[in-house]
Structures are given as structure tokens and as C-alpha cells.
Amino acid sequence: MAKDKTLYVCDYCGQESVKWVGKCPSCGRWNSMKEIRVAASTGSSKGNVPLSSSDNKQEPISVRNIVADSEPRIDMGDAELNRVLGGGLVPGSLVLLGGEPGIGKSTLILQTVLRLTDKKVLYVSGEESARQIKLRADRLGTHSQTSPVMEGSEEHGLLILTETSLENIYTQIEQTKPDLVVIDSIQTIQTETVESSPGSLSQIRECAASLLKYAKGGGVSIILIGHITKEGTLAGPKVLEHIVDAVLQFEGDQHYMYRILRSIKNRFGSTSELGIYEMKHDGLRQVSNPSELLLTDDREGLSGIAIACAIEGARPFMIETQALVSTAAYGTAQRSTTGYESRRLNMLLAVLEKRVGFKLATKDVFLNIAGGLRVTDPALDLAVIAAVLSSNGDMPIDTDVCMTGEVGLSGEIRPVSRIEQRIAEAQKLGFQRILIPSYNLKGINPKQYKIKIVPVRRVAEAVRELFG
């Protein structure tokens, strides 16, 4: 009888090693190698996966002989989720949805599958009872699937299964033949081939690999819901990310009503797409035009506020950038940011001091992106500088002005991508002027827009345009 195999896997990057090492040779982390046991029989995985995904020996095929027809995707009935997935759910794909506890992962998936009245969905829960899921489904609104029906009266619909054994889950999948399987959560599922507790690295690894094999062989789409660690990464992080086809991150502050759905990895679409939801008492509501919700209605006479036009994925929207500059009370200046990278703020403050002549070394600077959003678009730089200078001099910026542009270390305003979409979004929301990098003026006709386009080359030019 073959003995079980022991491996050491980095808990951060997924690097494998046959022996324990103190420092991961791949990512350089210390004390990140965790021991896992792999059963000798898991190499072939026979008996663990149903016959619909059995192993067949494959032979190499010429790329010219491979037929790559565009397979229709599953419409999830949610425009935001479809956008992040790249146009819908691909049949036979394995998708991982991660997020903090209580952020709304189960609510998002449950209200989505309740809309799929033309599909049979098997919802496997290892954390909640069937009664708890039923109560949540009733709270999410009036859906046809929440009303009682006679047993066996419908071919399609939502089926609830409370189970943690992977082998029993496969048995139910073979009996019900669903179009979509949801597992909430992957940390609660365990397989008999691994002798460790649920949620351990070895259990997550084996269960996810087995589910991927079944999804590809059986053509059934599977959505996994996963927890995240204290560091903000997915539990069993890179082990799961390497296996699945797409990784979605559901994030947001529980004190705010907005939730952001991001794509970290997607084999079937772009990873730069963004979905925005609003948390309400009856579930999550899609936000199709986030600009109107992220802007304060009454900004007249308020200093420290600048409006930036950012792009996340394929969607432009206006963001309110708020800054507060005050004298350092304890001698050492503080730099605090919310929703913006702190190191980039320090760089922009250094540019202001060196290139423009504003002395901010002895002042506290606080920066906030309104609405609880986290923005990574470098085109936000110009608005950050404008908000800081507005608060420093207590000079309000006109409410009909917005801006976009990346700031370089020499004080120049660097060009940004997709300037036409940004200008059109600003015009749609009623702004009268927009500051853009001078280089972006090439190739566009300012006369086709009703909004006044102001090109700027340096930070000093933008300061003169905004404050005179």
C-alpha cells in the first residue's frame, strides 16, 4: 500500500516544496510554508469524481484543427455581475467569489440565482440551514421561486442542499443534473481522500482541484464562495487562485451602503471591470450610474473638494476627492488617506513643494475618496493636488469644473487613456469645464463637445486656471 505524500506549500504564493524551508524561494516570505498531506490515490483521482468527468487519455491536436466556436454564456440577470464576468458566466467554468464576513457575498449570489428561473441551480451550503436560506430568500424580495410549489412540479428552479462532504455533493449533482452549482463556502467542504480538518490548506486544495475537474468534464458551471484572511487575501490564497478560472473580490465598508465587485483574475474577460451595488434592506441594488450617487449635491462654497473623472474597466464616472490641510498639532505632520494610495499622496505633496513652491512639510494632510470607494486610476492625481491646494488656501473650486490627468515627478501633466469617454461623461452630468492634459488634445475636436475643454501642460498652469 502506497504511503501518503507530504508537501510543503507557501500560504502566500502557492510555491510547493518537498521539504520545509524557512524562507519561500518564490515570494521570499518567512515562515509561510505549511505542511499538507496528499493521499497516494489522489494522483489519479479515480472514485473521487463522478463518471461524467472521468479521465480519458488525450492526444495532441493541431491548432488549425481545433474548432473554437463562441459558446453562449449564461446570462446571470445582473448587468453588473455580467460585466465583471466578461459578458456572462461561461459554461463549465469555476468561479471564486471572495470577501469579508458580512459584506454580502451570499446575498449577492442568492439573489442572482433566484432570478435564473430558466436554469436549475443547486445551492450547497455548509454554513447555514435550509430554513435560514429560505428566510433570506423571502427577505430579498418577491421572486417566483420563493413561493411554495408542489414537489416535482418544475424542471427548473433553486434547490437547497446542506452538506459538507464532497462525495455526497457529487452524488446529489449526479441525481439532480443542475446547470449551475453554488458552494457556500469552499472552506467548509471536506473530502475523504485527505485526513485533515475542513478549511485546511490541503482540504481546500483537493476540493477545489476536484471541482475544477468535474466542471470541465461535465460542463457544469460552479461558483465557490470563499472567506478572506485578516490580511485581506483569500484564505488558502494562491492555491485557490491558481486553480479557478475567475476570481471575483466583493469589497466595501460595512458602514457605507456601496459595495464594489472587482475581477482579480478572469480567463474569459478583462480584469479591469468594476461592478457597483448599493446595499439595501431587501438586498443589493445595481448602480448603473454611480456618478450621480458619488457627487455631493451642495458643494457651493466648500473648500478642499475637487471632482475627478476616473475610469474603472470600461466605465467612466465622476469621483469627489476631499482633502483637509491643517497645521500639525504635535510637530510631526500626518499623512492619512482613505480610498487612495498613501505613497502616491506623499509623491504628489513632494511635487507640490519642489515644482510649485507650496510648503506642506509642517502640515497635516488628510485625503478621502467620497463614497467609500478605492480608486487606482492615476488620472485622479490632478484632482488630488487641486483638493489639497483648495483646502490649504481655503479657496473653493467652482462646482462646474472637473479634471483628469496624471502628474509626473517633474510637475508635468501626463496624458490619460480614453479621454473621449471622460469628456462625454463630464458633459452628460452638466459640468461646464474640464481640465485635461495638453497631449490628449491631439486627435479630438473640442468643437464637438458643449463642455469647455481646458488643456494644461504643467501643475502650475492648472493652479492658475483653478485659482487665478
Protein backbone atom coordinates (compact mmCIF):
# COMPACT_ATOMS: atom_id res chain seq x y z
CA MET A 1 0.00 0.00 0.00
CA ALA A 2 1.43 3.35 -1.03
CA LYS A 3 2.10 5.90 1.67
CA ASP A 4 0.64 9.36 1.72
CA LYS A 5 2.78 12.08 0.17
CA THR A 6 3.83 15.11 2.21
CA LEU A 7 4.31 18.50 0.59
CA TYR A 8 5.03 21.97 1.89
CA VAL A 9 3.10 24.79 0.23
CA CYS A 10 3.60 28.52 0.68
CA ASP A 11 0.47 30.00 2.21
CA TYR A 12 1.04 33.25 0.30
CA CYS A 13 2.10 32.38 -3.26
CA GLY A 14 1.38 28.63 -3.56
CA GLN A 15 5.00 27.55 -4.15
CA GLU A 16 5.49 23.82 -3.46
CA SER A 17 8.49 22.16 -1.83
CA VAL A 18 9.25 18.57 -0.89
CA LYS A 19 10.92 19.75 2.34
CA TRP A 20 10.31 22.58 4.77
CA VAL A 21 12.26 25.80 4.28
CA GLY A 22 12.15 28.89 6.44
CA LYS A 23 12.00 31.31 3.53
CA CYS A 24 9.82 30.75 0.47
CA PRO A 25 12.09 30.57 -2.60
CA SER A 26 9.42 32.19 -4.78
CA CYS A 27 7.99 35.17 -2.87
CA GLY A 28 10.63 35.50 -0.13
CA ARG A 29 8.17 35.29 2.78
CA TRP A 30 9.41 33.83 6.04
CA ASN A 31 7.59 31.01 7.90
CA SER A 32 4.93 30.74 5.19
CA MET A 33 5.46 27.06 4.25
CA LYS A 34 2.60 24.88 5.51
CA GLU A 35 2.62 21.09 5.54
CA ILE A 36 -0.09 19.29 3.62
CA ARG A 37 -0.70 15.59 3.09
CA VAL A 38 -1.73 14.34 -0.31
CA ALA A 39 -3.24 10.88 -0.40
CA ALA A 40 -1.48 8.42 -2.68
CA SER A 41 -4.73 7.73 -4.54
CA THR A 42 -5.35 11.40 -5.37
CA GLY A 43 -2.90 11.30 -8.25
CA SER A 44 -5.43 9.53 -10.46
CA SER A 45 -8.45 10.93 -8.59
CA LYS A 46 -10.48 7.85 -9.55
CA GLY A 47 -13.53 7.27 -7.44
CA ASN A 48 -13.46 10.86 -6.26
CA VAL A 49 -15.07 12.49 -9.28
CA PRO A 50 -18.27 11.23 -10.97
CA LEU A 51 -18.13 9.33 -14.25
CA SER A 52 -19.20 12.39 -16.23
CA SER A 53 -15.71 13.81 -15.73
CA SER A 54 -13.71 10.60 -15.99
CA ASP A 55 -10.12 10.59 -17.23
CA ASN A 56 -9.66 9.92 -20.92
CA LYS A 57 -6.21 9.87 -22.46
CA GLN A 58 -5.80 12.89 -24.71
CA GLU A 59 -3.68 13.19 -27.83
CA PRO A 60 -2.15 16.41 -29.21
CA ILE A 61 -4.23 18.23 -31.82
CA SER A 62 -3.07 20.75 -34.38
CA VAL A 63 -4.22 24.25 -33.53
CA ARG A 64 -5.65 24.59 -37.06
CA ASN A 65 -7.96 21.62 -36.45
CA ILE A 66 -9.41 22.96 -33.19
CA VAL A 67 -12.90 24.41 -33.61
CA ALA A 68 -13.33 27.42 -31.32
CA ASP A 69 -16.99 28.33 -31.66
CA SER A 70 -18.15 31.10 -29.38
CA GLU A 71 -20.22 29.29 -26.78
CA PRO A 72 -23.17 31.30 -25.49
CA ARG A 73 -22.66 32.50 -21.93
CA ILE A 74 -25.19 32.17 -19.15
CA ASP A 75 -26.99 35.47 -18.56
CA MET A 76 -26.98 35.95 -14.78
CA GLY A 77 -29.79 38.53 -14.91
CA ASP A 78 -27.44 41.07 -13.29
CA ALA A 79 -25.80 43.64 -15.56
CA GLU A 80 -23.05 44.44 -13.06
CA LEU A 81 -22.15 40.79 -12.50
CA ASN A 82 -22.26 40.06 -16.23
CA ARG A 83 -19.90 42.97 -16.88
CA VAL A 84 -17.33 41.79 -14.32
CA LEU A 85 -17.52 38.21 -15.62
CA GLY A 86 -16.86 39.46 -19.15
CA GLY A 87 -20.37 39.11 -20.58
CA GLY A 88 -21.87 36.32 -18.50
CA LEU A 89 -20.96 33.00 -16.92
CA VAL A 90 -19.07 30.60 -19.19
CA PRO A 91 -20.49 27.02 -19.09
CA GLY A 92 -18.07 24.65 -17.41
CA SER A 93 -16.17 27.39 -15.58
CA LEU A 94 -15.12 27.54 -11.93
CA VAL A 95 -15.56 30.99 -10.36
CA LEU A 96 -14.40 32.03 -6.90
CA LEU A 97 -16.13 34.92 -5.07
CA GLY A 98 -14.26 36.23 -2.03
CA GLY A 99 -14.96 38.92 0.52
CA GLU A 100 -15.03 39.85 4.18
CA PRO A 101 -17.60 38.26 6.52
CA GLY A 102 -20.95 40.06 6.37
CA ILE A 103 -20.12 42.05 3.24
CA GLY A 104 -22.93 40.39 1.24
CA LYS A 105 -21.36 37.53 -0.75
CA SER A 106 -24.14 35.04 -0.04
CA THR A 107 -26.78 37.73 -0.57
CA LEU A 108 -25.35 38.62 -3.99
CA ILE A 109 -25.23 35.04 -5.20
CA LEU A 110 -28.61 34.06 -3.73
CA GLN A 111 -30.50 36.99 -5.24
CA THR A 112 -28.78 36.27 -8.56
CA VAL A 113 -29.69 32.59 -8.74
CA LEU A 114 -33.27 33.38 -7.68
CA ARG A 115 -33.63 35.27 -10.96
CA LEU A 116 -32.47 32.29 -13.04
CA THR A 117 -35.93 30.80 -13.48
CA ASP A 118 -34.91 29.02 -16.69
CA LYS A 119 -31.97 27.21 -15.07
CA LYS A 120 -31.73 24.51 -12.45
CA VAL A 121 -29.42 25.69 -9.68
CA LEU A 122 -28.08 23.59 -6.80
CA TYR A 123 -27.14 25.78 -3.84
CA VAL A 124 -24.87 23.85 -1.45
CA SER A 125 -24.50 25.46 1.97
CA GLY A 126 -22.08 24.25 4.58
CA GLU A 127 -22.68 27.17 6.94
CA GLU A 128 -26.44 27.74 7.08
CA SER A 129 -29.51 25.57 7.33
CA ALA A 130 -32.14 25.36 4.60
CA ARG A 131 -34.54 27.36 6.77
CA GLN A 132 -32.05 30.22 7.12
CA ILE A 133 -31.55 30.35 3.36
CA LYS A 134 -35.33 30.34 2.83
CA LEU A 135 -35.75 33.29 5.23
CA ARG A 136 -33.06 35.23 3.39
CA ALA A 137 -34.66 34.45 0.03
CA ASP A 138 -38.00 35.78 1.29
CA ARG A 139 -36.31 38.95 2.53
CA LEU A 140 -34.64 39.60 -0.81
CA GLY A 141 -37.93 40.40 -2.50
CA THR A 142 -40.83 38.94 -4.40
CA HIS A 143 -39.42 36.15 -6.58
CA SER A 144 -41.36 33.37 -8.19
CA GLN A 145 -39.02 30.81 -6.66
CA THR A 146 -39.71 31.90 -3.09
CA SER A 147 -43.39 31.00 -3.27
CA PRO A 148 -44.25 27.39 -2.39
CA VAL A 149 -44.85 24.92 -5.22
CA MET A 150 -45.80 21.28 -5.33
CA GLU A 151 -42.98 18.75 -5.19
CA GLY A 152 -41.68 17.89 -8.66
CA SER A 153 -43.87 20.43 -10.40
CA GLU A 154 -40.98 22.33 -12.04
CA GLU A 155 -37.96 21.28 -14.03
CA HIS A 156 -36.00 24.43 -13.28
CA GLY A 157 -35.53 26.36 -10.09
CA LEU A 158 -33.37 26.63 -6.99
CA LEU A 159 -32.53 23.52 -4.98
CA ILE A 160 -31.02 23.84 -1.49
CA LEU A 161 -28.58 21.26 -0.12
CA THR A 162 -26.96 21.49 3.31
CA GLU A 163 -23.89 19.27 3.02
CA THR A 164 -20.15 19.43 3.72
CA SER A 165 -18.97 16.12 2.24
CA LEU A 166 -17.64 16.47 -1.29
CA GLU A 167 -18.52 12.87 -2.15
CA ASN A 168 -22.16 13.38 -1.08
CA ILE A 169 -22.30 16.62 -3.06
CA TYR A 170 -21.20 14.76 -6.20
CA THR A 171 -23.94 12.18 -5.58
CA GLN A 172 -26.61 14.88 -5.43
CA ILE A 173 -25.21 16.61 -8.51
CA GLU A 174 -25.48 13.37 -10.49
CA GLN A 175 -29.08 12.91 -9.34
CA THR A 176 -30.35 16.46 -9.89
CA LYS A 177 -28.33 17.34 -13.04
CA PRO A 178 -28.14 21.10 -12.34
CA ASP A 179 -26.97 23.78 -14.80
CA LEU A 180 -25.20 25.73 -12.06
CA VAL A 181 -23.75 24.72 -8.69
CA VAL A 182 -23.07 27.19 -5.87
CA ILE A 183 -20.90 26.14 -2.90
CA ASP A 184 -21.06 28.35 0.17
CA SER A 185 -18.34 28.17 1.30
CA ILE A 186 -15.35 26.21 0.00
CA GLN A 187 -13.71 26.37 3.46
CA THR A 188 -16.48 24.17 4.92
CA ILE A 189 -16.21 21.37 2.32
CA GLN A 190 -14.08 18.30 3.00
CA THR A 191 -13.16 15.16 1.09
CA GLU A 192 -12.45 11.71 2.45
CA THR A 193 -9.20 11.43 0.50
CA VAL A 194 -7.48 13.96 2.77
CA GLU A 195 -7.13 13.42 6.50
CA SER A 196 -7.33 16.97 7.80
CA SER A 197 -9.95 19.33 9.14
CA PRO A 198 -12.20 21.40 6.83
CA GLY A 199 -10.67 24.72 5.87
CA SER A 200 -7.10 23.48 5.96
CA LEU A 201 -4.81 24.13 3.03
CA SER A 202 -4.81 20.51 1.91
CA GLN A 203 -8.63 20.22 2.04
CA ILE A 204 -9.13 23.45 0.09
CA ARG A 205 -6.56 22.38 -2.47
CA GLU A 206 -8.02 18.92 -3.10
CA CYS A 207 -11.66 20.04 -3.09
CA ALA A 208 -11.05 22.93 -5.48
CA ALA A 209 -8.99 20.78 -7.86
CA SER A 210 -11.65 18.07 -7.86
CA LEU A 211 -14.44 20.59 -8.51
CA LEU A 212 -12.48 22.12 -11.38
CA LYS A 213 -12.03 18.69 -12.93
CA TYR A 214 -15.74 17.98 -12.65
CA ALA A 215 -16.73 21.39 -14.06
CA LYS A 216 -14.53 20.92 -17.13
CA GLY A 217 -15.60 17.33 -17.71
CA GLY A 218 -19.31 17.71 -17.00
CA GLY A 219 -19.84 21.19 -18.47
CA VAL A 220 -21.45 22.42 -15.24
CA SER A 221 -20.61 25.93 -14.03
CA ILE A 222 -19.59 26.10 -10.37
CA ILE A 223 -19.42 29.21 -8.17
CA LEU A 224 -17.35 28.97 -4.99
CA ILE A 225 -17.78 31.42 -2.14
CA GLY A 226 -14.62 31.90 -0.08
CA HIS A 227 -13.55 33.75 3.03
CA ILE A 228 -10.60 36.10 3.27
CA THR A 229 -7.84 36.28 5.86
CA LYS A 230 -7.00 39.11 8.23
CA GLU A 231 -4.54 40.43 5.66
CA GLY A 232 -7.38 40.85 3.15
CA THR A 233 -6.41 37.94 0.88
CA LEU A 234 -8.40 34.83 0.08
CA ALA A 235 -7.98 32.02 2.59
CA GLY A 236 -5.66 29.46 1.04
CA PRO A 237 -4.89 32.34 -1.33
CA LYS A 238 -2.77 31.44 -4.32
CA VAL A 239 -3.68 27.78 -4.10
CA LEU A 240 -7.27 28.70 -4.95
CA GLU A 241 -6.41 31.48 -7.40
CA HIS A 242 -4.21 29.18 -9.49
CA ILE A 243 -6.94 26.55 -9.80
CA VAL A 244 -10.10 28.53 -10.58
CA ASP A 245 -10.96 30.26 -13.86
CA ALA A 246 -12.04 33.58 -12.37
CA VAL A 247 -11.55 35.30 -9.01
CA LEU A 248 -14.04 38.00 -8.00
CA GLN A 249 -13.48 40.22 -4.97
CA PHE A 250 -16.54 41.68 -3.23
CA GLU A 251 -15.46 44.59 -1.06
CA GLY A 252 -16.72 47.66 0.72
CA ASP A 253 -17.05 49.24 4.13
CA GLN A 254 -19.91 47.92 6.23
CA HIS A 255 -20.54 51.50 7.38
CA TYR A 256 -21.19 52.58 3.78
CA MET A 257 -24.04 51.44 1.56
CA TYR A 258 -21.89 50.83 -1.52
CA ARG A 259 -20.29 47.52 -2.48
CA ILE A 260 -17.67 47.03 -5.18
CA LEU A 261 -17.28 43.85 -7.23
CA ARG A 262 -13.84 43.55 -8.83
CA SER A 263 -12.27 40.93 -11.07
CA ILE A 264 -8.81 39.88 -9.86
CA LYS A 265 -8.40 37.06 -12.35
CA ASN A 266 -10.54 36.17 -15.36
CA ARG A 267 -9.63 33.70 -18.09
CA PHE A 268 -12.68 34.71 -20.11
CA GLY A 269 -12.63 38.50 -19.87
CA SER A 270 -10.95 41.66 -18.65
CA THR A 271 -9.69 42.04 -15.09
CA SER A 272 -10.22 45.81 -15.06
CA GLU A 273 -14.02 45.73 -14.93
CA LEU A 274 -15.94 47.03 -11.94
CA GLY A 275 -19.45 46.44 -10.62
CA ILE A 276 -21.12 48.75 -8.10
CA TYR A 277 -24.01 47.82 -5.81
CA GLU A 278 -25.99 49.60 -3.14
CA MET A 279 -26.86 47.62 -0.03
CA LYS A 280 -30.49 48.00 0.97
CA HIS A 281 -32.74 46.22 3.45
CA ASP A 282 -34.12 43.96 0.71
CA GLY A 283 -30.79 43.05 -0.89
CA LEU A 284 -28.26 44.57 -3.26
CA ARG A 285 -29.35 47.05 -5.90
CA GLN A 286 -27.36 47.58 -9.09
CA VAL A 287 -25.94 51.08 -9.54
CA SER A 288 -25.94 51.78 -13.27
CA ASN A 289 -24.84 55.43 -12.97
CA PRO A 290 -22.53 55.76 -9.96
CA SER A 291 -21.51 59.35 -10.78
CA GLU A 292 -24.81 60.82 -9.60
CA LEU A 293 -24.57 58.97 -6.28
CA LEU A 294 -20.90 59.75 -5.60
CA LEU A 295 -21.18 63.51 -6.02
CA THR A 296 -22.40 65.81 -3.24
CA ASP A 297 -25.35 67.93 -4.31
CA ASP A 298 -24.33 71.02 -2.32
CA ARG A 299 -20.65 71.84 -2.86
CA GLU A 300 -21.06 75.60 -3.22
CA GLY A 301 -18.51 77.50 -1.16
CA LEU A 302 -16.78 74.39 0.24
CA SER A 303 -13.01 74.25 0.01
CA GLY A 304 -10.95 71.07 -0.29
CA ILE A 305 -13.28 69.40 -2.84
CA ALA A 306 -12.29 68.59 -6.43
CA ILE A 307 -14.14 66.45 -8.95
CA ALA A 308 -12.15 63.93 -10.97
CA CYS A 309 -13.22 61.84 -13.93
CA ALA A 310 -11.85 58.31 -13.43
CA ILE A 311 -12.28 55.12 -15.39
CA GLU A 312 -12.54 51.65 -13.89
CA GLY A 313 -12.77 48.98 -16.53
CA ALA A 314 -14.95 50.26 -19.36
CA ARG A 315 -16.95 52.67 -17.22
CA PRO A 316 -16.15 56.36 -16.65
CA PHE A 317 -17.56 58.06 -13.60
CA MET A 318 -17.07 61.23 -11.59
CA ILE A 319 -15.45 60.97 -8.17
CA GLU A 320 -15.45 63.54 -5.41
CA THR A 321 -11.96 63.99 -3.94
CA GLN A 322 -11.91 65.56 -0.48
CA ALA A 323 -8.81 66.97 1.24
CA LEU A 324 -8.14 68.65 4.56
CA VAL A 325 -4.89 70.51 5.25
CA SER A 326 -4.20 71.82 8.76
CA THR A 327 -1.25 72.81 10.91
CA ALA A 328 0.46 69.83 12.55
CA ALA A 329 -0.60 69.81 16.19
CA TYR A 330 2.20 67.59 17.52
CA GLY A 331 5.14 68.73 15.41
CA THR A 332 5.20 65.67 13.14
CA ALA A 333 2.98 66.03 10.08
CA GLN A 334 0.43 63.28 9.46
CA ARG A 335 -0.50 61.81 6.09
CA SER A 336 -3.75 59.86 6.05
CA THR A 337 -5.68 58.54 3.05
CA THR A 338 -8.95 56.68 2.58
CA GLY A 339 -9.53 55.01 -0.78
CA TYR A 340 -6.25 56.29 -2.23
CA GLU A 341 -2.67 55.04 -2.08
CA SER A 342 -0.76 56.85 0.67
CA ARG A 343 2.62 56.60 -1.10
CA ARG A 344 1.21 58.32 -4.16
CA LEU A 345 -0.13 61.13 -1.98
CA ASN A 346 3.34 61.64 -0.50
CA MET A 347 4.76 61.80 -4.02
CA LEU A 348 2.23 64.44 -5.09
CA LEU A 349 2.94 66.53 -1.99
CA ALA A 350 6.66 66.40 -2.82
CA VAL A 351 5.89 67.58 -6.37
CA LEU A 352 3.87 70.50 -4.99
CA GLU A 353 6.74 71.55 -2.75
CA LYS A 354 9.53 71.12 -5.27
CA ARG A 355 7.88 72.20 -8.54
CA VAL A 356 5.17 74.65 -7.48
CA GLY A 357 6.61 76.09 -4.27
CA PHE A 358 3.91 75.19 -1.71
CA LYS A 359 5.39 74.30 1.69
CA LEU A 360 3.33 71.47 3.20
CA ALA A 361 6.01 69.64 5.20
CA THR A 362 4.74 71.01 8.53
CA LYS A 363 1.05 70.47 7.82
CA ASP A 364 -1.27 67.51 8.27
CA VAL A 365 -2.88 66.29 5.06
CA PHE A 366 -5.97 64.08 5.08
CA LEU A 367 -7.40 62.72 1.84
CA ASN A 368 -10.70 60.91 1.33
CA ILE A 369 -12.44 59.46 -1.72
CA ALA A 370 -16.14 60.06 -1.12
CA GLY A 371 -18.49 57.09 -1.01
CA GLY A 372 -16.02 54.59 0.45
CA LEU A 373 -14.54 53.73 -2.97
CA ARG A 374 -10.95 52.64 -3.55
CA VAL A 375 -9.63 54.09 -6.80
CA THR A 376 -6.39 53.15 -8.56
CA ASP A 377 -6.71 55.25 -11.72
CA PRO A 378 -3.65 57.57 -11.94
CA ALA A 379 -5.85 60.17 -13.67
CA LEU A 380 -7.01 61.11 -10.17
CA ASP A 381 -3.67 62.88 -9.46
CA LEU A 382 -4.70 66.30 -10.74
CA ALA A 383 -7.86 66.32 -8.63
CA VAL A 384 -5.88 65.29 -5.53
CA ILE A 385 -3.48 68.20 -5.99
CA ALA A 386 -6.36 70.62 -6.62
CA ALA A 387 -8.21 69.47 -3.50
CA VAL A 388 -5.07 69.83 -1.34
CA LEU A 389 -4.35 73.34 -2.59
CA SER A 390 -8.01 74.32 -2.22
CA SER A 391 -8.02 73.27 1.43
CA ASN A 392 -4.59 74.78 2.12
CA GLY A 393 -5.65 78.22 0.91
CA ASP A 394 -9.34 77.82 1.86
CA MET A 395 -10.26 78.63 -1.74
CA PRO A 396 -13.31 76.78 -3.12
CA ILE A 397 -13.17 75.32 -6.62
CA ASP A 398 -16.05 76.15 -8.94
CA THR A 399 -18.70 73.45 -8.83
CA ASP A 400 -18.94 73.29 -12.62
CA VAL A 401 -15.27 72.29 -13.06
CA CYS A 402 -13.87 68.75 -13.20
CA MET A 403 -10.43 67.47 -14.15
CA THR A 404 -8.44 64.43 -15.18
CA GLY A 405 -4.70 63.93 -15.55
CA GLU A 406 -1.70 62.06 -14.21
CA VAL A 407 1.03 64.10 -12.53
CA GLY A 408 4.69 63.32 -13.18
CA LEU A 409 7.66 63.90 -10.88
CA SER A 410 8.78 66.92 -12.86
CA GLY A 411 5.40 68.59 -12.42
CA GLU A 412 4.08 67.83 -15.92
CA ILE A 413 0.52 66.66 -16.58
CA ARG A 414 0.82 63.33 -18.33
CA PRO A 415 -1.82 62.06 -20.78
CA VAL A 416 -4.54 59.61 -19.75
CA SER A 417 -6.36 56.93 -21.68
CA ARG A 418 -9.84 57.14 -23.27
CA ILE A 419 -10.17 60.88 -22.95
CA GLU A 420 -13.28 61.00 -25.16
CA GLN A 421 -15.26 58.88 -22.70
CA ARG A 422 -14.19 61.06 -19.80
CA ILE A 423 -15.20 64.26 -21.57
CA ALA A 424 -18.55 62.79 -22.61
CA GLU A 425 -19.29 61.70 -19.02
CA ALA A 426 -18.50 65.19 -17.68
CA GLN A 427 -20.72 66.77 -20.31
CA LYS A 428 -23.57 64.38 -19.55
CA LEU A 429 -23.50 65.34 -15.87
CA GLY A 430 -23.68 69.07 -16.62
CA PHE A 431 -20.11 70.25 -16.00
CA GLN A 432 -19.08 73.40 -17.88
CA ARG A 433 -15.27 72.99 -17.89
CA ILE A 434 -12.88 70.07 -17.79
CA LEU A 435 -9.10 70.24 -17.35
CA ILE A 436 -7.25 67.66 -19.44
CA PRO A 437 -3.56 67.07 -20.32
CA SER A 438 -2.43 69.07 -23.36
CA TYR A 439 -1.18 65.94 -25.10
CA ASN A 440 -4.71 64.44 -25.02
CA LEU A 441 -5.96 67.33 -27.15
CA LYS A 442 -4.39 65.68 -30.19
CA GLY A 443 -6.87 63.68 -32.21
CA ILE A 444 -10.08 65.15 -30.74
CA ASN A 445 -12.21 68.04 -31.91
CA PRO A 446 -13.19 70.31 -28.98
CA LYS A 447 -15.99 71.85 -31.06
CA GLN A 448 -17.99 68.63 -30.99
CA TYR A 449 -18.48 68.98 -27.23
CA LYS A 450 -20.62 71.51 -25.44
CA ILE A 451 -18.31 71.46 -22.43
CA LYS A 452 -15.27 73.79 -22.46
CA ILE A 453 -12.03 71.79 -22.71
CA VAL A 454 -9.05 73.40 -20.96
CA PRO A 455 -5.67 71.82 -21.82
CA VAL A 456 -2.92 72.11 -19.19
CA ARG A 457 0.73 71.12 -19.51
CA ARG A 458 2.10 71.74 -16.01
CA VAL A 459 0.73 71.70 -12.47
CA ALA A 460 1.37 75.46 -12.24
CA GLU A 461 -0.90 76.05 -15.24
CA ALA A 462 -3.69 74.02 -13.62
CA VAL A 463 -3.30 76.04 -10.40
CA ARG A 464 -3.61 79.33 -12.27
CA GLU A 465 -6.66 78.05 -14.17
CA LEU A 466 -8.45 76.93 -10.99
CA PHE A 467 -7.49 79.68 -8.53
CA GLY A 468 -6.43 82.58 -10.79
